[in-house]
C-alpha atoms as a PDB file:
ATOM      1  CA  MET A   1      22.164 -39.351  37.848  1.00  0.00           C
ATOM      2  CA  LEU A   2      23.216 -41.130  41.350  1.00  0.00           C
ATOM      3  CA  THR A   3      25.672 -43.630  40.040  1.00  0.00           C
ATOM      4  CA  ILE A   4      26.952 -40.811  37.457  1.00  0.00           C
ATOM      5  CA  LEU A   5      27.662 -39.014  41.105  1.00  0.00           C
ATOM      6  CA  ALA A   6      29.421 -41.584  42.250  1.00  0.00           C
ATOM      7  CA  ALA A   7      31.499 -41.869  39.598  1.00  0.00           C
ATOM      8  CA  GLY A   8      32.626 -38.752  39.807  1.00  0.00           C
ATOM      9  CA  SER A   9      32.791 -38.901  43.476  1.00  0.00           C
ATOM     10  CA  VAL A  10      35.629 -41.610  43.021  1.00  0.00           C
ATOM     11  CA  PHE A  11      37.371 -40.895  39.730  1.00  0.00           C
ATOM     12  CA  PHE A  12      38.948 -37.309  40.582  1.00  0.00           C
ATOM     13  CA  PRO A  13      39.930 -38.030  44.303  1.00  0.00           C
ATOM     14  CA  GLY A  14      41.432 -41.690  42.874  1.00  0.00           C
ATOM     15  CA  LEU A  15      42.997 -39.892  40.877  1.00  0.00           C
ATOM     16  CA  PHE A  16      44.511 -37.516  42.720  1.00  0.00           C
ATOM     17  CA  LEU A  17      45.789 -40.645  44.993  1.00  0.00           C
ATOM     18  CA  LEU A  18      47.205 -42.718  41.962  1.00  0.00           C
ATOM     19  CA  SER A  19      49.309 -40.125  40.837  1.00  0.00           C
ATOM     20  CA  LYS A  20      50.409 -38.970  43.943  1.00  0.00           C
ATOM     21  CA  GLN A  21      51.297 -42.748  44.775  1.00  0.00           C
ATOM     22  CA  CYS A  22      53.111 -43.018  41.134  1.00  0.00           C
ATOM     23  CA  LEU A  23      54.870 -39.895  41.693  1.00  0.00           C
ATOM     24  CA  LYS A  24      56.326 -40.912  44.666  1.00  0.00           C
ATOM     25  CA  SER A  25      57.197 -44.007  43.839  1.00  0.00           C
ATOM     26  CA  ILE A  26      59.484 -42.433  41.032  1.00  0.00           C
ATOM     27  CA  PRO A  27      63.370 -43.038  42.492  1.00  0.00           C
ATOM     28  CA  ALA A  28      64.605 -40.031  39.585  1.00  0.00           C
ATOM     29  CA  LEU A  29      62.531 -37.693  41.660  1.00  0.00           C
ATOM     30  CA  ARG A  30      63.097 -38.552  44.497  1.00  0.00           C
ATOM     31  CA  TRP A  31      59.633 -35.977  45.620  1.00  0.00           C
ATOM     32  CA  SER A  32      58.680 -35.573  48.487  1.00  0.00           C
ATOM     33  CA  GLU A  33      54.345 -36.054  49.881  1.00  0.00           C
ATOM     34  CA  GLY A  34      54.424 -32.499  50.158  1.00  0.00           C
ATOM     35  CA  ASP A  35      56.050 -32.546  46.184  1.00  0.00           C
ATOM     36  CA  ALA A  36      53.792 -35.031  45.568  1.00  0.00           C
ATOM     37  CA  VAL A  37      50.288 -33.143  46.474  1.00  0.00           C
ATOM     38  CA  ILE A  38      50.696 -30.294  45.051  1.00  0.00           C
ATOM     39  CA  VAL A  39      52.118 -31.508  41.215  1.00  0.00           C
ATOM     40  CA  SER A  40      48.770 -34.272  41.532  1.00  0.00           C
ATOM     41  CA  ALA A  41      46.353 -31.745  42.397  1.00  0.00           C
ATOM     42  CA  ARG A  42      47.116 -29.615  39.851  1.00  0.00           C
ATOM     43  CA  LEU A  43      47.086 -32.853  37.678  1.00  0.00           C
ATOM     44  CA  VAL A  44      44.170 -33.537  37.913  1.00  0.00           C
ATOM     45  CA  SER A  45      42.430 -30.188  37.084  1.00  0.00           C
ATOM     46  CA  SER A  46      43.766 -30.216  33.711  1.00  0.00           C
ATOM     47  CA  VAL A  47      42.494 -34.012  34.176  1.00  0.00           C
ATOM     48  CA  GLN A  48      39.120 -31.927  34.819  1.00  0.00           C
ATOM     49  CA  ALA A  49      39.684 -29.565  31.970  1.00  0.00           C
ATOM     50  CA  VAL A  50      40.958 -31.219  29.069  1.00  0.00           C
ATOM     51  CA  MET A  51      37.849 -33.789  30.220  1.00  0.00           C
ATOM     52  CA  ALA A  52      35.284 -30.677  30.498  1.00  0.00           C
ATOM     53  CA  SER A  53      36.422 -29.136  27.252  1.00  0.00           C
ATOM     54  CA  SER A  54      36.322 -31.467  25.175  1.00  0.00           C
ATOM     55  CA  ALA A  55      32.511 -33.115  26.342  1.00  0.00           C
ATOM     56  CA  GLY A  56      31.996 -28.759  25.458  1.00  0.00           C
ATOM     57  CA  TYR A  57      32.840 -29.018  22.212  1.00  0.00           C
ATOM     58  CA  ILE A  58      31.328 -32.093  21.831  1.00  0.00           C
ATOM     59  CA  ILE A  59      27.289 -29.919  22.522  1.00  0.00           C
ATOM     60  CA  SER A  60      28.513 -26.906  21.237  1.00  0.00           C
ATOM     61  CA  SER A  61      29.073 -28.347  17.695  1.00  0.00           C
ATOM     62  CA  SER A  62      26.616 -30.469  18.057  1.00  0.00           C
ATOM     63  CA  CYS A  63      23.633 -28.051  18.970  1.00  0.00           C
ATOM     64  CA  LYS A  64      22.830 -26.334  15.021  1.00  0.00           C
ATOM     65  CA  ASP A  65      19.728 -25.114  17.559  1.00  0.00           C
ATOM     66  CA  ILE A  66      20.998 -22.739  20.764  1.00  0.00           C
ATOM     67  CA  ILE A  67      17.683 -22.614  22.355  1.00  0.00           C
ATOM     68  CA  GLU A  68      15.863 -25.622  22.049  1.00  0.00           C
ATOM     69  CA  ASP A  69      18.488 -28.675  21.047  1.00  0.00           C
ATOM     70  CA  GLN A  70      19.849 -30.438  24.091  1.00  0.00           C
ATOM     71  CA  HIS A  71      23.161 -33.016  24.210  1.00  0.00           C
ATOM     72  CA  TRP A  72      22.882 -36.236  26.717  1.00  0.00           C
ATOM     73  CA  LEU A  73      26.105 -35.156  27.238  1.00  0.00           C
ATOM     74  CA  THR A  74      25.153 -31.815  28.847  1.00  0.00           C
ATOM     75  CA  SER A  75      23.451 -32.659  32.249  1.00  0.00           C
ATOM     76  CA  THR A  76      26.184 -36.023  31.625  1.00  0.00           C
ATOM     77  CA  TYR A  77      29.317 -34.471  32.742  1.00  0.00           C
ATOM     78  CA  ILE A  78      27.687 -32.268  34.815  1.00  0.00           C
ATOM     79  CA  LEU A  79      26.302 -34.624  37.252  1.00  0.00           C
ATOM     80  CA  PHE A  80      30.073 -36.814  36.948  1.00  0.00           C
ATOM     81  CA  ALA A  81      32.232 -32.913  37.396  1.00  0.00           C
ATOM     82  CA  VAL A  82      30.413 -31.860  39.924  1.00  0.00           C
ATOM     83  CA  PRO A  83      32.719 -33.894  43.116  1.00  0.00           C
ATOM     84  CA  TYR A  84      35.326 -32.377  41.181  1.00  0.00           C
ATOM     85  CA  PHE A  85      34.104 -29.540  43.037  1.00  0.00           C
ATOM     86  CA  VAL A  86      34.187 -30.386  45.962  1.00  0.00           C
ATOM     87  CA  TYR A  87      36.600 -33.024  45.585  1.00  0.00           C
ATOM     88  CA  ASP A  88      39.277 -29.051  44.732  1.00  0.00           C
ATOM     89  CA  ILE A  89      38.150 -26.975  47.427  1.00  0.00           C
ATOM     90  CA  TYR A  90      40.357 -30.106  49.936  1.00  0.00           C
ATOM     91  CA  ALA A  91      42.757 -30.881  47.181  1.00  0.00           C
ATOM     92  CA  MET A  92      44.062 -26.375  47.866  1.00  0.00           C
ATOM     93  CA  PHE A  93      43.745 -26.541  51.369  1.00  0.00           C
ATOM     94  CA  MET A  94      46.977 -30.143  51.381  1.00  0.00           C
ATOM     95  CA  CYS A  95      48.413 -27.723  48.433  1.00  0.00           C
ATOM     96  CA  HIS A  96      48.396 -25.129  51.223  1.00  0.00           C
ATOM     97  CA  TRP A  97      49.028 -26.950  54.384  1.00  0.00           C
ATOM     98  CA  TYR A  98      52.417 -28.936  52.176  1.00  0.00           C
ATOM     99  CA  LYS A  99      53.187 -25.126  51.300  1.00  0.00           C
ATOM    100  CA  LEU A 100      53.155 -23.865  54.597  1.00  0.00           C
ATOM    101  CA  ARG A 101      54.779 -27.392  55.743  1.00  0.00           C
ATOM    102  CA  VAL A 102      57.600 -27.222  52.980  1.00  0.00           C
ATOM    103  CA  LYS A 103      58.236 -24.573  51.295  1.00  0.00           C
ATOM    104  CA  GLY A 104      58.761 -21.732  54.829  1.00  0.00           C
ATOM    105  CA  HIS A 105      56.286 -19.522  54.582  1.00  0.00           C
ATOM    106  CA  GLU A 106      55.959 -16.862  56.913  1.00  0.00           C
ATOM    107  CA  GLU A 107      53.176 -18.451  58.502  1.00  0.00           C
ATOM    108  CA  ALA A 108      54.791 -22.222  58.943  1.00  0.00           C
ATOM    109  CA  SER A 109      56.510 -21.688  62.119  1.00  0.00           C
ATOM    110  CA  ALA A 110      52.732 -21.902  63.932  1.00  0.00           C
ATOM    111  CA  ALA A 111      50.395 -23.281  61.010  1.00  0.00           C
ATOM    112  CA  PRO A 112      51.245 -26.698  60.127  1.00  0.00           C
ATOM    113  CA  GLN A 113      50.652 -27.245  64.378  1.00  0.00           C
ATOM    114  CA  HIS A 114      47.672 -26.344  64.420  1.00  0.00           C
ATOM    115  CA  MET A 115      45.267 -27.217  61.740  1.00  0.00           C
ATOM    116  CA  SER A 116      42.313 -24.633  62.313  1.00  0.00           C
ATOM    117  CA  LEU A 117      45.106 -21.769  61.852  1.00  0.00           C
ATOM    118  CA  ALA A 118      45.903 -23.726  58.580  1.00  0.00           C
ATOM    119  CA  LEU A 119      42.672 -23.862  57.576  1.00  0.00           C
ATOM    120  CA  THR A 120      41.681 -20.066  58.314  1.00  0.00           C
ATOM    121  CA  SER A 121      44.852 -18.475  56.617  1.00  0.00           C
ATOM    122  CA  TYR A 122      43.782 -21.323  54.013  1.00  0.00           C
ATOM    123  CA  LEU A 123      40.738 -19.567  53.880  1.00  0.00           C
ATOM    124  CA  ARG A 124      41.896 -15.968  53.615  1.00  0.00           C
ATOM    125  CA  ARG A 125      44.480 -16.095  50.960  1.00  0.00           C
ATOM    126  CA  GLU A 126      41.621 -18.386  48.657  1.00  0.00           C
ATOM    127  CA  PHE A 127      38.629 -16.873  50.321  1.00  0.00           C
ATOM    128  CA  LEU A 128      37.452 -16.001  46.025  1.00  0.00           C
ATOM    129  CA  MET A 129      38.373 -19.251  45.327  1.00  0.00           C
ATOM    130  CA  VAL A 130      36.380 -21.764  47.444  1.00  0.00           C
ATOM    131  CA  LEU A 131      33.428 -19.029  46.980  1.00  0.00           C
ATOM    132  CA  HIS A 132      33.312 -19.673  43.136  1.00  0.00           C
ATOM    133  CA  HIS A 133      33.821 -23.753  44.248  1.00  0.00           C
ATOM    134  CA  VAL A 134      30.280 -23.587  46.622  1.00  0.00           C
ATOM    135  CA  VAL A 135      28.600 -21.515  43.990  1.00  0.00           C
ATOM    136  CA  MET A 136      29.541 -24.230  41.469  1.00  0.00           C
ATOM    137  CA  VAL A 137      27.789 -26.890  44.021  1.00  0.00           C
ATOM    138  CA  THR A 138      25.315 -24.946  45.574  1.00  0.00           C
ATOM    139  CA  ILE A 139      23.421 -22.969  42.060  1.00  0.00           C
ATOM    140  CA  CYS A 140      25.469 -23.620  38.712  1.00  0.00           C
ATOM    141  CA  PHE A 141      25.390 -27.408  39.263  1.00  0.00           C
ATOM    142  CA  PRO A 142      21.109 -26.763  40.113  1.00  0.00           C
ATOM    143  CA  VAL A 143      20.348 -24.333  37.386  1.00  0.00           C
ATOM    144  CA  SER A 144      22.435 -26.652  34.898  1.00  0.00           C
ATOM    145  CA  VAL A 145      20.392 -29.681  35.557  1.00  0.00           C
ATOM    146  CA  PHE A 146      17.034 -28.591  36.671  1.00  0.00           C
ATOM    147  CA  TRP A 147      15.606 -25.035  36.445  1.00  0.00           C
ATOM    148  CA  ARG A 148      16.671 -24.811  32.903  1.00  0.00           C
ATOM    149  CA  GLN A 149      15.012 -27.717  32.046  1.00  0.00           C
ATOM    150  CA  GLY A 150      16.413 -29.390  29.138  1.00  0.00           C
ATOM    151  CA  LYS A 151      17.264 -25.910  27.158  1.00  0.00           C
ATOM    152  CA  GLY A 152      19.911 -24.084  26.101  1.00  0.00           C
ATOM    153  CA  ASP A 153      23.022 -26.956  25.578  1.00  0.00           C
ATOM    154  CA  TYR A 154      24.822 -25.167  22.614  1.00  0.00           C
ATOM    155  CA  PHE A 155      25.457 -22.010  25.834  1.00  0.00           C
ATOM    156  CA  GLN A 156      26.724 -24.692  28.772  1.00  0.00           C
ATOM    157  CA  GLY A 157      28.219 -26.456  26.406  1.00  0.00           C
ATOM    158  CA  VAL A 158      30.452 -23.414  25.771  1.00  0.00           C
ATOM    159  CA  MET A 159      30.478 -22.633  29.401  1.00  0.00           C
ATOM    160  CA  PHE A 160      32.411 -26.315  29.602  1.00  0.00           C
ATOM    161  CA  MET A 161      34.674 -24.917  27.624  1.00  0.00           C
ATOM    162  CA  ALA A 162      36.224 -22.716  29.224  1.00  0.00           C
ATOM    163  CA  GLU A 163      38.033 -24.610  31.656  1.00  0.00           C
ATOM    164  CA  LEU A 164      40.856 -24.818  28.286  1.00  0.00           C
ATOM    165  CA  SER A 165      42.730 -21.921  30.275  1.00  0.00           C
ATOM    166  CA  THR A 166      43.468 -23.937  33.077  1.00  0.00           C
ATOM    167  CA  PRO A 167      46.086 -26.736  32.060  1.00  0.00           C
ATOM    168  CA  SER A 168      48.950 -23.737  31.390  1.00  0.00           C
ATOM    169  CA  VAL A 169      46.998 -21.967  34.758  1.00  0.00           C
ATOM    170  CA  CYS A 170      47.728 -25.148  36.476  1.00  0.00           C
ATOM    171  CA  LEU A 171      51.841 -25.323  34.667  1.00  0.00           C
ATOM    172  CA  GLY A 172      52.130 -21.819  35.627  1.00  0.00           C
ATOM    173  CA  LYS A 173      51.829 -22.344  39.360  1.00  0.00           C
ATOM    174  CA  ILE A 174      53.712 -25.797  39.416  1.00  0.00           C
ATOM    175  CA  LEU A 175      57.237 -23.883  37.344  1.00  0.00           C
ATOM    176  CA  ILE A 176      56.786 -20.997  40.248  1.00  0.00           C
ATOM    177  CA  GLN A 177      56.564 -23.234  43.123  1.00  0.00           C
ATOM    178  CA  TYR A 178      59.608 -24.923  42.288  1.00  0.00           C
ATOM    179  CA  LYS A 179      60.824 -22.039  40.858  1.00  0.00           C
ATOM    180  CA  GLN A 180      61.229 -22.346  37.362  1.00  0.00           C
ATOM    181  CA  GLN A 181      60.371 -18.108  36.404  1.00  0.00           C
ATOM    182  CA  HIS A 182      63.052 -18.345  34.433  1.00  0.00           C
ATOM    183  CA  THR A 183      62.959 -20.709  31.625  1.00  0.00           C
ATOM    184  CA  LEU A 184      61.379 -20.544  27.790  1.00  0.00           C
ATOM    185  CA  LEU A 185      59.031 -22.633  29.423  1.00  0.00           C
ATOM    186  CA  HIS A 186      57.278 -20.289  31.220  1.00  0.00           C
ATOM    187  CA  LYS A 187      58.018 -17.482  29.866  1.00  0.00           C
ATOM    188  CA  VAL A 188      56.051 -19.170  26.607  1.00  0.00           C
ATOM    189  CA  ASN A 189      53.664 -20.438  28.465  1.00  0.00           C
ATOM    190  CA  GLY A 190      52.930 -17.740  29.674  1.00  0.00           C
ATOM    191  CA  ALA A 191      51.750 -16.923  26.931  1.00  0.00           C
ATOM    192  CA  LEU A 192      49.695 -19.327  26.783  1.00  0.00           C
ATOM    193  CA  MET A 193      48.003 -18.522  29.595  1.00  0.00           C
ATOM    194  CA  LEU A 194      47.360 -14.735  29.495  1.00  0.00           C
ATOM    195  CA  ILE A 195      45.645 -15.576  25.828  1.00  0.00           C
ATOM    196  CA  THR A 196      43.836 -18.432  26.136  1.00  0.00           C
ATOM    197  CA  PHE A 197      42.753 -17.170  30.153  1.00  0.00           C
ATOM    198  CA  PHE A 198      40.724 -14.102  28.320  1.00  0.00           C
ATOM    199  CA  ILE A 199      39.622 -16.206  24.705  1.00  0.00           C
ATOM    200  CA  CYS A 200      37.853 -18.793  27.265  1.00  0.00           C
ATOM    201  CA  ARG A 201      37.565 -16.147  29.990  1.00  0.00           C
ATOM    202  CA  VAL A 202      37.078 -12.889  29.841  1.00  0.00           C
ATOM    203  CA  LEU A 203      35.019 -13.075  26.141  1.00  0.00           C
ATOM    204  CA  LEU A 204      32.625 -15.715  27.808  1.00  0.00           C
ATOM    205  CA  PHE A 205      30.122 -13.685  27.983  1.00  0.00           C
ATOM    206  CA  PRO A 206      30.171 -11.101  26.012  1.00  0.00           C
ATOM    207  CA  TYR A 207      30.672 -14.032  23.264  1.00  0.00           C
ATOM    208  CA  LEU A 208      27.567 -15.650  24.204  1.00  0.00           C
ATOM    209  CA  TYR A 209      25.496 -12.479  24.580  1.00  0.00           C
ATOM    210  CA  TYR A 210      26.734 -12.054  20.824  1.00  0.00           C
ATOM    211  CA  VAL A 211      26.064 -15.113  19.717  1.00  0.00           C
ATOM    212  CA  TYR A 212      21.469 -15.045  21.490  1.00  0.00           C
ATOM    213  CA  GLY A 213      22.020 -11.442  19.820  1.00  0.00           C
ATOM    214  CA  ARG A 214      22.399 -12.970  17.107  1.00  0.00           C
ATOM    215  CA  TYR A 215      19.858 -16.013  16.734  1.00  0.00           C
ATOM    216  CA  ALA A 216      16.989 -13.238  18.099  1.00  0.00           C
ATOM    217  CA  SER A 217      18.084 -10.810  16.200  1.00  0.00           C
ATOM    218  CA  ILE A 218      18.449  -7.637  18.645  1.00  0.00           C
ATOM    219  CA  PRO A 219      21.667  -5.694  18.011  1.00  0.00           C
ATOM    220  CA  PHE A 220      24.145  -6.910  21.008  1.00  0.00           C
ATOM    221  CA  HIS A 221      24.182  -4.126  22.472  1.00  0.00           C
ATOM    222  CA  MET A 222      20.121  -4.594  23.236  1.00  0.00           C
ATOM    223  CA  VAL A 223      20.851  -8.192  24.687  1.00  0.00           C
ATOM    224  CA  PRO A 224      20.679  -7.236  28.063  1.00  0.00           C
ATOM    225  CA  PHE A 225      17.745  -5.634  28.196  1.00  0.00           C
ATOM    226  CA  SER A 226      16.180  -8.290  26.419  1.00  0.00           C
ATOM    227  CA  VAL A 227      17.007 -11.012  28.629  1.00  0.00           C
ATOM    228  CA  PRO A 228      15.962 -12.026  31.451  1.00  0.00           C
ATOM    229  CA  TRP A 229      17.094 -10.398  34.397  1.00  0.00           C
ATOM    230  CA  HIS A 230      18.022 -12.862  36.457  1.00  0.00           C
ATOM    231  CA  CYS A 231      20.454 -14.005  33.448  1.00  0.00           C
ATOM    232  CA  ASN A 232      22.411 -11.016  33.869  1.00  0.00           C
ATOM    233  CA  LEU A 233      23.068 -11.017  37.456  1.00  0.00           C
ATOM    234  CA  GLY A 234      24.286 -15.000  37.142  1.00  0.00           C
ATOM    235  CA  ALA A 235      26.417 -14.410  33.966  1.00  0.00           C
ATOM    236  CA  ALA A 236      28.032 -10.892  35.743  1.00  0.00           C
ATOM    237  CA  LEU A 237      28.341 -12.904  39.200  1.00  0.00           C
ATOM    238  CA  LEU A 238      30.218 -15.505  36.888  1.00  0.00           C
ATOM    239  CA  MET A 239      32.806 -13.097  34.644  1.00  0.00           C
ATOM    240  CA  ALA A 240      33.992 -10.232  38.092  1.00  0.00           C
ATOM    241  CA  PRO A 241      35.600 -13.368  39.625  1.00  0.00           C
ATOM    242  CA  GLN A 242      38.087 -13.807  35.958  1.00  0.00           C
ATOM    243  CA  LEU A 243      37.898 -10.214  35.158  1.00  0.00           C
ATOM    244  CA  TYR A 244      40.202 -10.289  38.025  1.00  0.00           C
ATOM    245  CA  TRP A 245      41.718 -12.947  37.964  1.00  0.00           C
ATOM    246  CA  PHE A 246      42.762 -12.087  34.713  1.00  0.00           C
ATOM    247  CA  SER A 247      43.963  -8.772  35.599  1.00  0.00           C
ATOM    248  CA  LEU A 248      46.304 -10.663  38.397  1.00  0.00           C
ATOM    249  CA  ILE A 249      47.482 -12.794  35.102  1.00  0.00           C
ATOM    250  CA  CYS A 250      47.985  -9.414  33.687  1.00  0.00           C
ATOM    251  CA  ARG A 251      50.249  -8.227  36.523  1.00  0.00           C
ATOM    252  CA  GLY A 252      52.359 -11.402  36.668  1.00  0.00           C
ATOM    253  CA  ALA A 253      53.335 -11.735  32.789  1.00  0.00           C
ATOM    254  CA  LEU A 254      53.778  -7.986  32.693  1.00  0.00           C
ATOM    255  CA  ARG A 255      56.100  -9.030  35.442  1.00  0.00           C
ATOM    256  CA  LEU A 256      58.275 -11.749  33.565  1.00  0.00           C
ATOM    257  CA  PHE A 257      58.514 -10.619  30.096  1.00  0.00           C
ATOM    258  CA  MET A 258      59.839  -7.174  32.268  1.00  0.00           C
ATOM    259  CA  GLY A 259      61.893  -9.438  34.501  1.00  0.00           C
ATOM    260  CA  LEU A 260      61.754  -7.780  37.450  1.00  0.00           C
ATOM    261  CA  PRO A 261      61.218  -9.876  40.424  1.00  0.00           C
ATOM    262  CA  PRO A 262      58.663 -12.327  41.287  1.00  0.00           C
ATOM    263  CA  THR A 263      55.732 -11.400  43.727  1.00  0.00           C
ATOM    264  CA  SER A 264      55.233 -14.742  46.565  1.00  0.00           C
ATOM    265  CA  CYS A 265      52.919 -17.224  44.544  1.00  0.00           C
ATOM    266  CA  ARG A 266      49.988 -18.397  45.439  1.00  0.00           C
ATOM    267  CA  SER A 267      49.744 -22.324  46.134  1.00  0.00           C
END
């Protein structure tokens, strides 16, 4: 267990540092430290998403009995990925820090000189995402590894595949950051982001309830009344931020395809 945790603790920050140095060393790009940090953070998030989605597909496709079947990759990848959520809180802060310094936002006149002000601004703007990451480490990790007692690897695998939408989200943020909203790539990526986020995150828990209903021969509308209350609570708490973020994506897509001027973007 400790070996896998250590591997994740080295892999994700190491990939971030390696990517940052490589991007800065490419003469044709001439990117600043801030540019390299922002793009590297998005790259690491995309790599983690591809790894999680691949692991999820392998797990879910291997489990014929959705409750009893187990796959070694389930707990292994959870242990490997936990350090990512800790690292990503730091990476998101660094993106915010350089955005204040380079892009000239309103807070930029004060925040770059005072780390505490930058941190306060970061937590205010990214509170929901930071909270999501903290919950993943402090609650979802022990529940998935210890509390499940080897049950429901299929469900865990399907939840891994929710990350399939992340690469398009990251690419969209990079394109917006560098004012490429007018490009065809941004429009195609926006449509892909809307579709993948809806399928992989918004429909995730209704799909899991549907699958369990078929397994237990229970009508779909009766599943919430047939599973333990804490399962419903956990599903609701995990789904709520996904619905909020999806609403933001829909608003952005509406502005994009109606040709309205973009609002100020977040890092």
